[in-house]
Structures are given as structure tokens and as C-alpha cells.
C-alpha atoms as a PDB file:
ATOM      1  CA  MET A   1     152.752 106.719 317.586  1.00  0.00           C
ATOM      2  CA  THR A   2     153.234 109.821 315.935  1.00  0.00           C
ATOM      3  CA  GLU A   3     156.846 109.723 316.182  1.00  0.00           C
ATOM      4  CA  TYR A   4     156.795 106.397 314.575  1.00  0.00           C
ATOM      5  CA  THR A   5     154.680 107.333 311.860  1.00  0.00           C
ATOM      6  CA  GLN A   6     156.785 110.534 311.186  1.00  0.00           C
ATOM      7  CA  GLU A   7     160.366 107.787 311.327  1.00  0.00           C
ATOM      8  CA  THR A   8     158.574 105.691 308.744  1.00  0.00           C
ATOM      9  CA  GLN A   9     157.284 108.409 306.508  1.00  0.00           C
ATOM     10  CA  LYS A  10     160.312 110.259 306.653  1.00  0.00           C
ATOM     11  CA  GLY A  11     162.565 106.512 305.726  1.00  0.00           C
ATOM     12  CA  ASP A  12     159.532 106.337 303.204  1.00  0.00           C
ATOM     13  CA  ILE A  13     160.555 109.405 301.428  1.00  0.00           C
ATOM     14  CA  SER A  14     163.892 107.954 300.883  1.00  0.00           C
ATOM     15  CA  THR A  15     162.904 104.948 299.295  1.00  0.00           C
ATOM     16  CA  GLY A  16     162.079 106.822 295.671  1.00  0.00           C
ATOM     17  CA  GLY A  17     158.398 105.399 295.558  1.00  0.00           C
ATOM     18  CA  PHE A  18     157.656 101.526 294.824  1.00  0.00           C
ATOM     19  CA  ALA A  19     161.128 100.457 293.603  1.00  0.00           C
ATOM     20  CA  THR A  20     161.886  98.543 296.568  1.00  0.00           C
ATOM     21  CA  ALA A  21     158.512  96.427 296.327  1.00  0.00           C
ATOM     22  CA  THR A  22     158.590  93.263 293.894  1.00  0.00           C
ATOM     23  CA  THR A  23     155.558  91.299 296.006  1.00  0.00           C
ATOM     24  CA  ARG A  24     151.578  92.331 295.577  1.00  0.00           C
ATOM     25  CA  GLN A  25     151.752  92.335 299.882  1.00  0.00           C
ATOM     26  CA  ALA A  26     154.992  94.490 299.966  1.00  0.00           C
ATOM     27  CA  VAL A  27     153.274  96.912 297.712  1.00  0.00           C
ATOM     28  CA  TYR A  28     150.230  97.160 299.556  1.00  0.00           C
ATOM     29  CA  GLU A  29     152.515  97.282 302.504  1.00  0.00           C
ATOM     30  CA  GLU A  30     154.443 100.585 300.973  1.00  0.00           C
ATOM     31  CA  ALA A  31     151.635 102.080 299.302  1.00  0.00           C
ATOM     32  CA  GLU A  32     149.111 101.890 302.959  1.00  0.00           C
ATOM     33  CA  LEU A  33     151.946 103.388 304.302  1.00  0.00           C
ATOM     34  CA  LYS A  34     152.307 106.340 302.307  1.00  0.00           C
ATOM     35  CA  TYR A  35     149.080 106.754 300.658  1.00  0.00           C
ATOM     36  CA  GLY A  36     146.318 104.996 303.452  1.00  0.00           C
ATOM     37  CA  PRO A  37     144.682 101.303 302.508  1.00  0.00           C
ATOM     38  CA  ALA A  38     142.373 102.711 299.092  1.00  0.00           C
ATOM     39  CA  PHE A  39     145.284 103.665 297.006  1.00  0.00           C
ATOM     40  CA  ALA A  40     146.962 100.083 298.367  1.00  0.00           C
ATOM     41  CA  GLN A  41     144.187  98.244 297.550  1.00  0.00           C
ATOM     42  CA  TYR A  42     143.877 100.173 294.062  1.00  0.00           C
ATOM     43  CA  CYS A  43     147.542  98.913 293.834  1.00  0.00           C
ATOM     44  CA  ALA A  44     147.122  95.519 294.378  1.00  0.00           C
ATOM     45  CA  ASP A  45     144.511  94.738 292.254  1.00  0.00           C
ATOM     46  CA  ILE A  46     146.289  96.511 289.281  1.00  0.00           C
ATOM     47  CA  MET A  47     149.082  93.909 289.709  1.00  0.00           C
ATOM     48  CA  ALA A  48     146.907  91.457 289.999  1.00  0.00           C
ATOM     49  CA  GLU A  49     145.432  91.586 286.896  1.00  0.00           C
ATOM     50  CA  GLU A  50     148.444  92.351 285.323  1.00  0.00           C
ATOM     51  CA  GLU A  51     149.404  88.643 287.314  1.00  0.00           C
ATOM     52  CA  GLU A  52     145.783  87.374 285.527  1.00  0.00           C
ATOM     53  CA  SER A  53     146.611  88.485 282.346  1.00  0.00           C
ATOM     54  CA  ALA A  54     149.997  87.355 281.847  1.00  0.00           C
ATOM     55  CA  LYS A  55     148.372  84.449 282.466  1.00  0.00           C
ATOM     56  CA  LYS A  56     146.197  83.819 279.792  1.00  0.00           C
ATOM     57  CA  THR A  57     147.162  81.539 277.032  1.00  0.00           C
ATOM     58  CA  ILE A  58     146.495  82.569 273.196  1.00  0.00           C
ATOM     59  CA  PRO A  59     143.614  81.044 271.801  1.00  0.00           C
ATOM     60  CA  HIS A  60     144.287  77.680 269.472  1.00  0.00           C
ATOM     61  CA  ASN A  61     143.762  79.361 266.600  1.00  0.00           C
ATOM     62  CA  TYR A  62     145.492  82.276 267.020  1.00  0.00           C
ATOM     63  CA  HIS A  63     148.312  82.807 264.720  1.00  0.00           C
ATOM     64  CA  MET A  64     146.153  81.230 262.123  1.00  0.00           C
ATOM     65  CA  ASN A  65     143.793  83.611 261.821  1.00  0.00           C
ATOM     66  CA  ASN A  66     146.478  86.351 262.032  1.00  0.00           C
ATOM     67  CA  LEU A  67     148.005  84.725 258.791  1.00  0.00           C
ATOM     68  CA  ILE A  68     144.185  84.707 257.386  1.00  0.00           C
ATOM     69  CA  ARG A  69     143.639  88.373 258.236  1.00  0.00           C
ATOM     70  CA  LEU A  70     147.417  90.044 257.165  1.00  0.00           C
ATOM     71  CA  THR A  71     147.133  87.915 254.043  1.00  0.00           C
ATOM     72  CA  SER A  72     143.923  89.486 253.376  1.00  0.00           C
ATOM     73  CA  GLN A  73     144.879  92.868 253.966  1.00  0.00           C
ATOM     74  CA  LEU A  74     148.065  92.103 251.550  1.00  0.00           C
ATOM     75  CA  ARG A  75     145.719  90.970 248.770  1.00  0.00           C
ATOM     76  CA  ALA A  76     144.117  94.518 249.247  1.00  0.00           C
ATOM     77  CA  LEU A  77     146.733  96.784 249.573  1.00  0.00           C
ATOM     78  CA  SER A  78     148.841  94.926 246.422  1.00  0.00           C
ATOM     79  CA  GLN A  79     145.374  95.638 244.623  1.00  0.00           C
ATOM     80  CA  VAL A  80     145.817  99.119 244.846  1.00  0.00           C
ATOM     81  CA  CYS A  81     148.942  99.372 242.941  1.00  0.00           C
ATOM     82  CA  GLU A  82     147.291  97.817 239.694  1.00  0.00           C
ATOM     83  CA  ALA A  83     144.976 100.594 239.542  1.00  0.00           C
ATOM     84  CA  GLU A  84     145.226 103.422 237.009  1.00  0.00           C
ATOM     85  CA  PHE A  85     145.312 106.332 240.059  1.00  0.00           C
ATOM     86  CA  PHE A  86     148.231 104.490 241.095  1.00  0.00           C
ATOM     87  CA  GLN A  87     150.291 105.580 238.392  1.00  0.00           C
ATOM     88  CA  THR A  88     149.358 109.576 238.849  1.00  0.00           C
ATOM     89  CA  TRP A  89     150.819 109.800 242.681  1.00  0.00           C
ATOM     90  CA  GLY A  90     153.773 111.228 242.771  1.00  0.00           C
ATOM     91  CA  ALA A  91     157.284 109.281 243.723  1.00  0.00           C
ATOM     92  CA  GLU A  92     156.771 110.197 247.578  1.00  0.00           C
ATOM     93  CA  ASP A  93     153.184 109.253 248.044  1.00  0.00           C
ATOM     94  CA  LYS A  94     154.162 105.366 245.762  1.00  0.00           C
ATOM     95  CA  LEU A  95     157.503 105.123 247.847  1.00  0.00           C
ATOM     96  CA  TYR A  96     155.382 106.059 251.933  1.00  0.00           C
ATOM     97  CA  TYR A  97     152.659 103.308 250.251  1.00  0.00           C
ATOM     98  CA  MET A  98     155.497 100.982 249.859  1.00  0.00           C
ATOM     99  CA  THR A  99     156.707 100.757 253.003  1.00  0.00           C
ATOM    100  CA  LEU A 100     153.762 100.170 254.399  1.00  0.00           C
ATOM    101  CA  LEU A 101     153.365  97.308 251.434  1.00  0.00           C
ATOM    102  CA  THR A 102     156.100  96.214 252.690  1.00  0.00           C
ATOM    103  CA  SER A 103     155.665  96.344 256.651  1.00  0.00           C
ATOM    104  CA  VAL A 104     152.304  94.066 256.218  1.00  0.00           C
ATOM    105  CA  SER A 105     154.524  91.805 254.248  1.00  0.00           C
ATOM    106  CA  ASN A 106     156.542  91.211 256.686  1.00  0.00           C
ATOM    107  CA  ASP A 107     154.230  90.969 259.395  1.00  0.00           C
ATOM    108  CA  VAL A 108     152.315  88.117 256.963  1.00  0.00           C
ATOM    109  CA  SER A 109     156.243  86.326 257.128  1.00  0.00           C
ATOM    110  CA  GLN A 110     156.007  86.482 260.442  1.00  0.00           C
ATOM    111  CA  ALA A 111     153.022  85.231 260.984  1.00  0.00           C
ATOM    112  CA  LEU A 112     153.542  82.302 258.435  1.00  0.00           C
ATOM    113  CA  GLN A 113     156.012  81.596 260.476  1.00  0.00           C
ATOM    114  CA  ASP A 114     154.254  81.812 264.113  1.00  0.00           C
ATOM    115  CA  SER A 115     150.973  79.362 262.648  1.00  0.00           C
ATOM    116  CA  LEU A 116     154.038  76.961 261.597  1.00  0.00           C
ATOM    117  CA  GLU A 117     155.178  76.872 264.968  1.00  0.00           C
ATOM    118  CA  GLU A 118     151.632  76.670 266.159  1.00  0.00           C
ATOM    119  CA  ILE A 119     150.814  73.657 263.753  1.00  0.00           C
ATOM    120  CA  TYR A 120     154.576  72.155 264.439  1.00  0.00           C
ATOM    121  CA  ALA A 121     153.881  72.239 268.475  1.00  0.00           C
ATOM    122  CA  GLY A 122     149.806  70.545 267.991  1.00  0.00           C
ATOM    123  CA  SER A 123     151.732  67.873 266.236  1.00  0.00           C
ATOM    124  CA  ASP A 124     153.645  66.908 268.711  1.00  0.00           C
ATOM    125  CA  ALA A 125     151.457  67.318 270.985  1.00  0.00           C
ATOM    126  CA  SER A 126     149.518  64.884 269.677  1.00  0.00           C
ATOM    127  CA  ALA A 127     152.391  62.572 268.628  1.00  0.00           C
ATOM    128  CA  ILE A 128     153.399  62.349 272.045  1.00  0.00           C
ATOM    129  CA  SER A 129     149.123  61.593 273.226  1.00  0.00           C
END
């Protein structure tokens, strides 16, 4: 029995960790051989959680709510440009701020596109029903 265990351990060392294991059961078996059943169960639980979180769907109005939030942020950021203290900023600070404003603007554009796709997908589903 100890000879089998030693040979198995030598073989496991050459596999380079869990790279060869692709299923939860395979990961469990490799981890159990190397580190014991408690760690193996821990690995299996983490994989199960990842699988479950991947299956969760986006809430119905997620994209619309995201669009509203980002639009509010863009409005608040753009109001700073109208403030008197903005004129006293140096060129580097203004450039950094405009880069931030551009980033939020791009996020708004993406959220708008996602919202349109969500609405389009919803209208297709309701037309079919």
C-alpha cells in the first residue's frame, strides 16, 4: 500500500498541479491524493460556487439601471467643467479630468447599447409569445 502511495505521489508531482484536471470530480480526486479530503472538498466547493455564479442571469432591468446611474455620473462630472474653480486648474489636471469624463462617456455609450439590445430582445420575445 505504501509503495502504491509513493508511486502515485511521484506521478502527481510530474503532472504540475491541477492542470490536467478539468472536471470537478477530477480536481477532487487529485487534491485528495495530494492534500487530503478536506482540501479536496474545499476545491470542489469553490468550483461549484463558480459554476453557480456563472449560471446566474442578469436582472431584468440591469442595463437600464446602469444607464441611469452612469448618466447621473456624467451629468455630475460635466457640471464641474462649468464651475469657476475648474478654470483655475492647470492643464495636467484638466487633461486628467477630461480623460475621466471621456471614460464615463464611453461607459454611457456602452450602457445605452446594452439597454437597446435588452429592449430589442424583450420586444422579440413578446412578439413571439
